[in-house]
Amino acid sequence: MQELVILDLDGVIINGQSQQIFLDYLFNKKLVSLFFYLKIYCWFILYKLGLVKSPKKMMNFAFSHFDGRKIDEVSGIVDKFFSGKLSEFIFPEIIDIINEHKVQGRELVIISNSAEIIVGKVSNFLGIKNYIGTQLETVGGKFTGKIEGEIVYGKNKLVVATEFVQKNNLNLNNSWSYADNISDLDLLMSVSKPYAVNPDRFLLSEAQKRNWPILKFKNILKNK
């Protein structure tokens, strides 16, 4: 059976939180207000400190900004964001790892809590055909500003991964997983080859106890 490689986005492929980088981009381009920017930025700080357990509430607020905007309009904004900003934050080390997995003939998928419209841009850039992110609801060619279904976070990330392997005749017991956050512990425990990448202190502790490989990336593309 073909081996599967599951990659997280933030902290694994991207140096930082892609949605935080997107927020900075929107604010610098004067596409969001100072109040909107500061409210979400405060949440990011609380999240990094481990004081917020689920990002769903704040994500609902953040994506309300897209209410009524056409899909093509938002896609254009995200295109410019990726090419002009986010692509600079990709770790070269993960590109080397991805390329090695490709050489070995393994299937790859990016599974992230970030909005799928962002995850898709990164996936296409890296030549990875499979990607799953949090879905944003659309009606009549426009975003509603709401999240469709559940966010791809915590235990639900394992649910999404399980659905993916079943649909594609793969197996988590024959899979690799790269993740950075303690919220990904359930998924990491479900694969045969878990890797903690730039782990937060909670995941670092778990990885050390379980003797999981720990990878720490230092470079980003914009420094090259």
C-alpha atoms as a PDB file:
ATOM      1  CA  MET A   1       0.000   0.000   0.000  1.00  0.00           C
ATOM      2  CA  GLN A   2       1.242   3.478  -0.901  1.00  0.00           C
ATOM      3  CA  GLU A   3       2.613   5.532   1.989  1.00  0.00           C
ATOM      4  CA  LEU A   4       0.962   8.830   2.910  1.00  0.00           C
ATOM      5  CA  VAL A   5       2.586  12.042   4.160  1.00  0.00           C
ATOM      6  CA  ILE A   6       0.377  14.472   6.100  1.00  0.00           C
ATOM      7  CA  LEU A   7       1.712  17.995   6.447  1.00  0.00           C
ATOM      8  CA  ASP A   8       0.453  20.778   8.672  1.00  0.00           C
ATOM      9  CA  LEU A   9       0.763  24.292   7.244  1.00  0.00           C
ATOM     10  CA  ASP A  10       1.512  26.752  10.034  1.00  0.00           C
ATOM     11  CA  GLY A  11       4.818  26.171  11.780  1.00  0.00           C
ATOM     12  CA  VAL A  12       5.679  23.273   9.463  1.00  0.00           C
ATOM     13  CA  ILE A  13       5.565  24.698   5.943  1.00  0.00           C
ATOM     14  CA  ILE A  14       5.124  28.335   6.932  1.00  0.00           C
ATOM     15  CA  ASN A  15       7.270  30.104   9.507  1.00  0.00           C
ATOM     16  CA  GLY A  16       4.445  31.445  11.657  1.00  0.00           C
ATOM     17  CA  GLN A  17       0.666  31.553  11.426  1.00  0.00           C
ATOM     18  CA  SER A  18      -0.489  32.005   7.832  1.00  0.00           C
ATOM     19  CA  GLN A  19      -3.707  33.675   8.956  1.00  0.00           C
ATOM     20  CA  GLN A  20      -1.789  36.111  11.150  1.00  0.00           C
ATOM     21  CA  ILE A  21       0.489  36.956   8.229  1.00  0.00           C
ATOM     22  CA  PHE A  22      -2.655  37.436   6.120  1.00  0.00           C
ATOM     23  CA  LEU A  23      -4.079  39.782   8.754  1.00  0.00           C
ATOM     24  CA  ASP A  24      -0.888  41.856   8.691  1.00  0.00           C
ATOM     25  CA  TYR A  25      -1.094  41.971   4.907  1.00  0.00           C
ATOM     26  CA  LEU A  26      -4.735  43.109   4.913  1.00  0.00           C
ATOM     27  CA  PHE A  27      -4.005  45.807   7.484  1.00  0.00           C
ATOM     28  CA  ASN A  28      -0.942  47.095   5.631  1.00  0.00           C
ATOM     29  CA  LYS A  29      -2.998  47.247   2.438  1.00  0.00           C
ATOM     30  CA  LYS A  30      -5.694  49.180   4.377  1.00  0.00           C
ATOM     31  CA  LEU A  31      -8.241  46.450   3.717  1.00  0.00           C
ATOM     32  CA  VAL A  32      -9.232  46.088   7.392  1.00  0.00           C
ATOM     33  CA  SER A  33      -9.689  48.607  10.204  1.00  0.00           C
ATOM     34  CA  LEU A  34      -7.374  49.139  13.156  1.00  0.00           C
ATOM     35  CA  PHE A  35     -10.055  47.849  15.547  1.00  0.00           C
ATOM     36  CA  PHE A  36     -10.515  44.673  13.488  1.00  0.00           C
ATOM     37  CA  TYR A  37      -6.747  44.176  13.300  1.00  0.00           C
ATOM     38  CA  LEU A  38      -6.098  44.681  17.025  1.00  0.00           C
ATOM     39  CA  LYS A  39      -8.964  42.456  18.145  1.00  0.00           C
ATOM     40  CA  ILE A  40      -7.719  39.493  16.116  1.00  0.00           C
ATOM     41  CA  TYR A  41      -4.063  40.181  16.912  1.00  0.00           C
ATOM     42  CA  CYS A  42      -4.837  39.999  20.639  1.00  0.00           C
ATOM     43  CA  TRP A  43      -6.376  36.595  20.051  1.00  0.00           C
ATOM     44  CA  PHE A  44      -3.217  35.377  18.307  1.00  0.00           C
ATOM     45  CA  ILE A  45      -1.195  36.391  21.364  1.00  0.00           C
ATOM     46  CA  LEU A  46      -3.555  34.503  23.689  1.00  0.00           C
ATOM     47  CA  TYR A  47      -3.401  31.472  21.383  1.00  0.00           C
ATOM     48  CA  LYS A  48       0.398  31.411  21.411  1.00  0.00           C
ATOM     49  CA  LEU A  49       0.330  31.600  25.204  1.00  0.00           C
ATOM     50  CA  GLY A  50      -1.963  28.591  25.323  1.00  0.00           C
ATOM     51  CA  LEU A  51      -4.788  30.616  26.889  1.00  0.00           C
ATOM     52  CA  VAL A  52      -7.211  29.972  24.016  1.00  0.00           C
ATOM     53  CA  LYS A  53      -8.022  26.335  23.338  1.00  0.00           C
ATOM     54  CA  SER A  54     -10.109  26.609  20.170  1.00  0.00           C
ATOM     55  CA  PRO A  55      -9.798  29.259  17.465  1.00  0.00           C
ATOM     56  CA  LYS A  56     -13.314  28.776  16.069  1.00  0.00           C
ATOM     57  CA  LYS A  57     -14.950  31.811  17.685  1.00  0.00           C
ATOM     58  CA  MET A  58     -12.264  34.202  16.512  1.00  0.00           C
ATOM     59  CA  MET A  59     -12.111  32.619  13.071  1.00  0.00           C
ATOM     60  CA  ASN A  60     -15.844  33.257  12.700  1.00  0.00           C
ATOM     61  CA  PHE A  61     -15.229  36.906  13.534  1.00  0.00           C
ATOM     62  CA  ALA A  62     -12.207  37.187  11.249  1.00  0.00           C
ATOM     63  CA  PHE A  63     -13.887  35.708   8.187  1.00  0.00           C
ATOM     64  CA  SER A  64     -16.978  37.874   8.664  1.00  0.00           C
ATOM     65  CA  HIS A  65     -14.853  40.465   6.848  1.00  0.00           C
ATOM     66  CA  PHE A  66     -15.502  38.574   3.595  1.00  0.00           C
ATOM     67  CA  ASP A  67     -19.281  38.719   3.912  1.00  0.00           C
ATOM     68  CA  GLY A  68     -20.773  39.653   0.546  1.00  0.00           C
ATOM     69  CA  ARG A  69     -17.464  39.655  -1.338  1.00  0.00           C
ATOM     70  CA  LYS A  70     -17.302  37.801  -4.639  1.00  0.00           C
ATOM     71  CA  ILE A  71     -15.240  34.616  -4.779  1.00  0.00           C
ATOM     72  CA  ASP A  72     -13.113  35.995  -7.621  1.00  0.00           C
ATOM     73  CA  GLU A  73     -12.392  39.165  -5.639  1.00  0.00           C
ATOM     74  CA  VAL A  74     -11.199  37.302  -2.549  1.00  0.00           C
ATOM     75  CA  SER A  75      -9.248  34.822  -4.656  1.00  0.00           C
ATOM     76  CA  GLY A  76      -7.446  37.741  -6.284  1.00  0.00           C
ATOM     77  CA  ILE A  77      -6.557  39.201  -2.892  1.00  0.00           C
ATOM     78  CA  VAL A  78      -5.226  35.837  -1.730  1.00  0.00           C
ATOM     79  CA  ASP A  79      -3.212  35.425  -4.962  1.00  0.00           C
ATOM     80  CA  LYS A  80      -1.468  38.744  -4.353  1.00  0.00           C
ATOM     81  CA  PHE A  81      -0.997  37.897  -0.680  1.00  0.00           C
ATOM     82  CA  PHE A  82       0.678  34.596  -1.484  1.00  0.00           C
ATOM     83  CA  SER A  83       2.948  35.839  -4.252  1.00  0.00           C
ATOM     84  CA  GLY A  84       3.819  39.098  -2.528  1.00  0.00           C
ATOM     85  CA  LYS A  85       4.130  37.921   1.066  1.00  0.00           C
ATOM     86  CA  LEU A  86       3.330  34.403   2.218  1.00  0.00           C
ATOM     87  CA  SER A  87       5.632  32.615  -0.228  1.00  0.00           C
ATOM     88  CA  GLU A  88       8.570  34.315   1.489  1.00  0.00           C
ATOM     89  CA  PHE A  89       7.776  32.521   4.749  1.00  0.00           C
ATOM     90  CA  ILE A  90       8.107  28.969   3.449  1.00  0.00           C
ATOM     91  CA  PHE A  91      10.825  26.895   5.102  1.00  0.00           C
ATOM     92  CA  PRO A  92      13.389  25.627   2.541  1.00  0.00           C
ATOM     93  CA  GLU A  93      13.957  22.632   4.814  1.00  0.00           C
ATOM     94  CA  ILE A  94      10.387  21.426   4.341  1.00  0.00           C
ATOM     95  CA  ILE A  95      10.731  21.784   0.568  1.00  0.00           C
ATOM     96  CA  ASP A  96      13.676  19.373   0.711  1.00  0.00           C
ATOM     97  CA  ILE A  97      11.627  16.938   2.820  1.00  0.00           C
ATOM     98  CA  ILE A  98       8.655  17.174   0.463  1.00  0.00           C
ATOM     99  CA  ASN A  99      10.835  16.553  -2.569  1.00  0.00           C
ATOM    100  CA  GLU A 100      12.381  13.491  -0.943  1.00  0.00           C
ATOM    101  CA  HIS A 101       8.929  12.048  -0.222  1.00  0.00           C
ATOM    102  CA  LYS A 102       7.975  12.664  -3.853  1.00  0.00           C
ATOM    103  CA  VAL A 103      11.075  10.799  -5.021  1.00  0.00           C
ATOM    104  CA  GLN A 104      10.004   7.872  -2.828  1.00  0.00           C
ATOM    105  CA  GLY A 105       6.605   7.849  -4.516  1.00  0.00           C
ATOM    106  CA  ARG A 106       4.585   8.764  -1.431  1.00  0.00           C
ATOM    107  CA  GLU A 107       1.198  10.496  -1.549  1.00  0.00           C
ATOM    108  CA  LEU A 108       1.174  13.933   0.100  1.00  0.00           C
ATOM    109  CA  VAL A 109      -1.622  16.011   1.594  1.00  0.00           C
ATOM    110  CA  ILE A 110      -1.653  19.312   3.466  1.00  0.00           C
ATOM    111  CA  ILE A 111      -4.260  19.363   6.246  1.00  0.00           C
ATOM    112  CA  SER A 112      -4.578  22.696   8.005  1.00  0.00           C
ATOM    113  CA  ASN A 113      -6.998  24.765  10.044  1.00  0.00           C
ATOM    114  CA  SER A 114      -6.210  27.739   7.813  1.00  0.00           C
ATOM    115  CA  ALA A 115      -8.809  28.755   5.260  1.00  0.00           C
ATOM    116  CA  GLU A 116      -8.723  26.344   2.340  1.00  0.00           C
ATOM    117  CA  ILE A 117      -8.382  29.229  -0.101  1.00  0.00           C
ATOM    118  CA  ILE A 118      -4.973  29.961   1.486  1.00  0.00           C
ATOM    119  CA  VAL A 119      -3.943  26.313   1.880  1.00  0.00           C
ATOM    120  CA  GLY A 120      -4.618  25.747  -1.802  1.00  0.00           C
ATOM    121  CA  LYS A 121      -2.198  28.478  -2.899  1.00  0.00           C
ATOM    122  CA  VAL A 122       0.611  26.934  -0.854  1.00  0.00           C
ATOM    123  CA  SER A 123      -0.234  23.431  -2.045  1.00  0.00           C
ATOM    124  CA  ASN A 124      -0.151  24.464  -5.690  1.00  0.00           C
ATOM    125  CA  PHE A 125       3.175  26.240  -5.205  1.00  0.00           C
ATOM    126  CA  LEU A 126       4.706  23.104  -3.676  1.00  0.00           C
ATOM    127  CA  GLY A 127       3.263  20.792  -6.318  1.00  0.00           C
ATOM    128  CA  ILE A 128       1.057  18.926  -3.853  1.00  0.00           C
ATOM    129  CA  LYS A 129      -2.291  17.988  -5.396  1.00  0.00           C
ATOM    130  CA  ASN A 130      -4.111  17.153  -2.155  1.00  0.00           C
ATOM    131  CA  TYR A 131      -5.029  19.752   0.433  1.00  0.00           C
ATOM    132  CA  ILE A 132      -7.730  20.263   3.047  1.00  0.00           C
ATOM    133  CA  GLY A 133      -8.451  23.428   5.007  1.00  0.00           C
ATOM    134  CA  THR A 134     -11.286  25.099   6.845  1.00  0.00           C
ATOM    135  CA  GLN A 135     -14.089  25.776   4.371  1.00  0.00           C
ATOM    136  CA  LEU A 136     -15.628  29.222   3.998  1.00  0.00           C
ATOM    137  CA  GLU A 137     -19.299  29.253   3.079  1.00  0.00           C
ATOM    138  CA  THR A 138     -20.325  30.664  -0.297  1.00  0.00           C
ATOM    139  CA  VAL A 139     -23.761  31.368  -1.733  1.00  0.00           C
ATOM    140  CA  GLY A 140     -24.425  32.627  -5.231  1.00  0.00           C
ATOM    141  CA  GLY A 141     -20.763  33.211  -6.030  1.00  0.00           C
ATOM    142  CA  LYS A 142     -20.156  35.255  -2.881  1.00  0.00           C
ATOM    143  CA  PHE A 143     -18.732  34.533   0.563  1.00  0.00           C
ATOM    144  CA  THR A 144     -21.205  34.715   3.435  1.00  0.00           C
ATOM    145  CA  GLY A 145     -18.563  35.486   6.045  1.00  0.00           C
ATOM    146  CA  LYS A 146     -19.304  32.189   7.809  1.00  0.00           C
ATOM    147  CA  ILE A 147     -17.401  28.942   8.239  1.00  0.00           C
ATOM    148  CA  GLU A 148     -18.956  25.924   6.548  1.00  0.00           C
ATOM    149  CA  GLY A 149     -18.999  22.898   8.825  1.00  0.00           C
ATOM    150  CA  GLU A 150     -16.323  22.407  11.454  1.00  0.00           C
ATOM    151  CA  ILE A 151     -12.859  23.947  11.519  1.00  0.00           C
ATOM    152  CA  VAL A 152      -9.974  21.572  10.773  1.00  0.00           C
ATOM    153  CA  TYR A 153      -8.556  21.662  14.287  1.00  0.00           C
ATOM    154  CA  GLY A 154      -7.732  19.287  17.134  1.00  0.00           C
ATOM    155  CA  LYS A 155      -9.647  16.012  17.059  1.00  0.00           C
ATOM    156  CA  ASN A 156     -11.442  17.081  13.896  1.00  0.00           C
ATOM    157  CA  LYS A 157      -8.130  17.110  12.037  1.00  0.00           C
ATOM    158  CA  LEU A 158      -7.865  13.387  12.737  1.00  0.00           C
ATOM    159  CA  VAL A 159     -11.457  12.931  11.526  1.00  0.00           C
ATOM    160  CA  VAL A 160     -10.617  14.730   8.277  1.00  0.00           C
ATOM    161  CA  ALA A 161      -7.414  12.707   7.830  1.00  0.00           C
ATOM    162  CA  THR A 162      -9.286   9.445   8.437  1.00  0.00           C
ATOM    163  CA  GLU A 163     -11.888  10.375   5.837  1.00  0.00           C
ATOM    164  CA  PHE A 164      -9.120  11.194   3.366  1.00  0.00           C
ATOM    165  CA  VAL A 165      -7.304   7.864   3.775  1.00  0.00           C
ATOM    166  CA  GLN A 166     -10.550   5.895   3.504  1.00  0.00           C
ATOM    167  CA  LYS A 167     -11.528   7.731   0.326  1.00  0.00           C
ATOM    168  CA  ASN A 168      -8.117   7.176  -1.254  1.00  0.00           C
ATOM    169  CA  ASN A 169      -7.464   3.596  -0.105  1.00  0.00           C
ATOM    170  CA  LEU A 170      -4.603   4.624   2.160  1.00  0.00           C
ATOM    171  CA  ASN A 171      -3.826   3.830   5.792  1.00  0.00           C
ATOM    172  CA  LEU A 172      -2.761   5.955   8.747  1.00  0.00           C
ATOM    173  CA  ASN A 173      -0.722   3.008   9.981  1.00  0.00           C
ATOM    174  CA  ASN A 174       1.433   3.449   6.903  1.00  0.00           C
ATOM    175  CA  SER A 175       1.689   7.229   7.140  1.00  0.00           C
ATOM    176  CA  TRP A 176       3.955  10.091   8.103  1.00  0.00           C
ATOM    177  CA  SER A 177       2.742  13.242   9.849  1.00  0.00           C
ATOM    178  CA  TYR A 178       4.505  16.558  10.442  1.00  0.00           C
ATOM    179  CA  ALA A 179       2.936  18.961  12.949  1.00  0.00           C
ATOM    180  CA  ASP A 180       3.929  21.732  15.358  1.00  0.00           C
ATOM    181  CA  ASN A 181       1.104  22.159  17.867  1.00  0.00           C
ATOM    182  CA  ILE A 182      -0.226  20.131  20.788  1.00  0.00           C
ATOM    183  CA  SER A 183      -3.663  20.339  19.167  1.00  0.00           C
ATOM    184  CA  ASP A 184      -2.298  17.908  16.553  1.00  0.00           C
ATOM    185  CA  LEU A 185      -1.438  15.234  19.108  1.00  0.00           C
ATOM    186  CA  ASP A 186      -4.356  12.947  18.202  1.00  0.00           C
ATOM    187  CA  LEU A 187      -3.282  12.876  14.566  1.00  0.00           C
ATOM    188  CA  LEU A 188       0.383  12.367  15.398  1.00  0.00           C
ATOM    189  CA  MET A 189      -0.488   9.432  17.665  1.00  0.00           C
ATOM    190  CA  SER A 190      -2.479   7.820  14.860  1.00  0.00           C
ATOM    191  CA  VAL A 191       0.322   7.538  12.304  1.00  0.00           C
ATOM    192  CA  SER A 192       3.313   5.226  12.198  1.00  0.00           C
ATOM    193  CA  LYS A 193       5.884   7.981  11.637  1.00  0.00           C
ATOM    194  CA  PRO A 194       5.105  11.152  13.635  1.00  0.00           C
ATOM    195  CA  TYR A 195       7.395  14.181  13.469  1.00  0.00           C
ATOM    196  CA  ALA A 196       7.235  17.207  15.772  1.00  0.00           C
ATOM    197  CA  VAL A 197       8.333  20.233  13.733  1.00  0.00           C
ATOM    198  CA  ASN A 198       9.205  23.469  15.522  1.00  0.00           C
ATOM    199  CA  PRO A 199       6.960  22.200  18.331  1.00  0.00           C
ATOM    200  CA  ASP A 200       5.319  24.376  20.970  1.00  0.00           C
ATOM    201  CA  ARG A 201       6.382  23.561  24.505  1.00  0.00           C
ATOM    202  CA  PHE A 202       3.485  21.184  25.088  1.00  0.00           C
ATOM    203  CA  LEU A 203       4.101  19.139  21.946  1.00  0.00           C
ATOM    204  CA  LEU A 204       7.837  19.208  22.601  1.00  0.00           C
ATOM    205  CA  SER A 205       7.240  17.577  25.983  1.00  0.00           C
ATOM    206  CA  GLU A 206       5.030  14.882  24.431  1.00  0.00           C
ATOM    207  CA  ALA A 207       7.496  14.232  21.618  1.00  0.00           C
ATOM    208  CA  GLN A 208      10.372  13.833  24.056  1.00  0.00           C
ATOM    209  CA  LYS A 209       8.379  11.406  26.211  1.00  0.00           C
ATOM    210  CA  ARG A 210       7.434   9.338  23.162  1.00  0.00           C
ATOM    211  CA  ASN A 211      10.881   9.528  21.508  1.00  0.00           C
ATOM    212  CA  TRP A 212       9.453  11.111  18.381  1.00  0.00           C
ATOM    213  CA  PRO A 213      11.852  12.823  15.966  1.00  0.00           C
ATOM    214  CA  ILE A 214      11.971  16.589  16.559  1.00  0.00           C
ATOM    215  CA  LEU A 215      12.816  18.910  13.663  1.00  0.00           C
ATOM    216  CA  LYS A 216      13.674  22.566  14.067  1.00  0.00           C
ATOM    217  CA  PHE A 217      13.822  24.706  10.954  1.00  0.00           C
ATOM    218  CA  LYS A 218      15.725  27.989  10.915  1.00  0.00           C
ATOM    219  CA  ASN A 219      15.651  29.379   7.403  1.00  0.00           C
ATOM    220  CA  ILE A 220      12.879  30.987   5.386  1.00  0.00           C
ATOM    221  CA  LEU A 221      12.887  31.753   1.693  1.00  0.00           C
ATOM    222  CA  LYS A 222      13.052  35.532   2.106  1.00  0.00           C
ATOM    223  CA  ASN A 223      16.462  35.197   3.763  1.00  0.00           C
ATOM    224  CA  LYS A 224      17.943  33.548   0.678  1.00  0.00           C
END
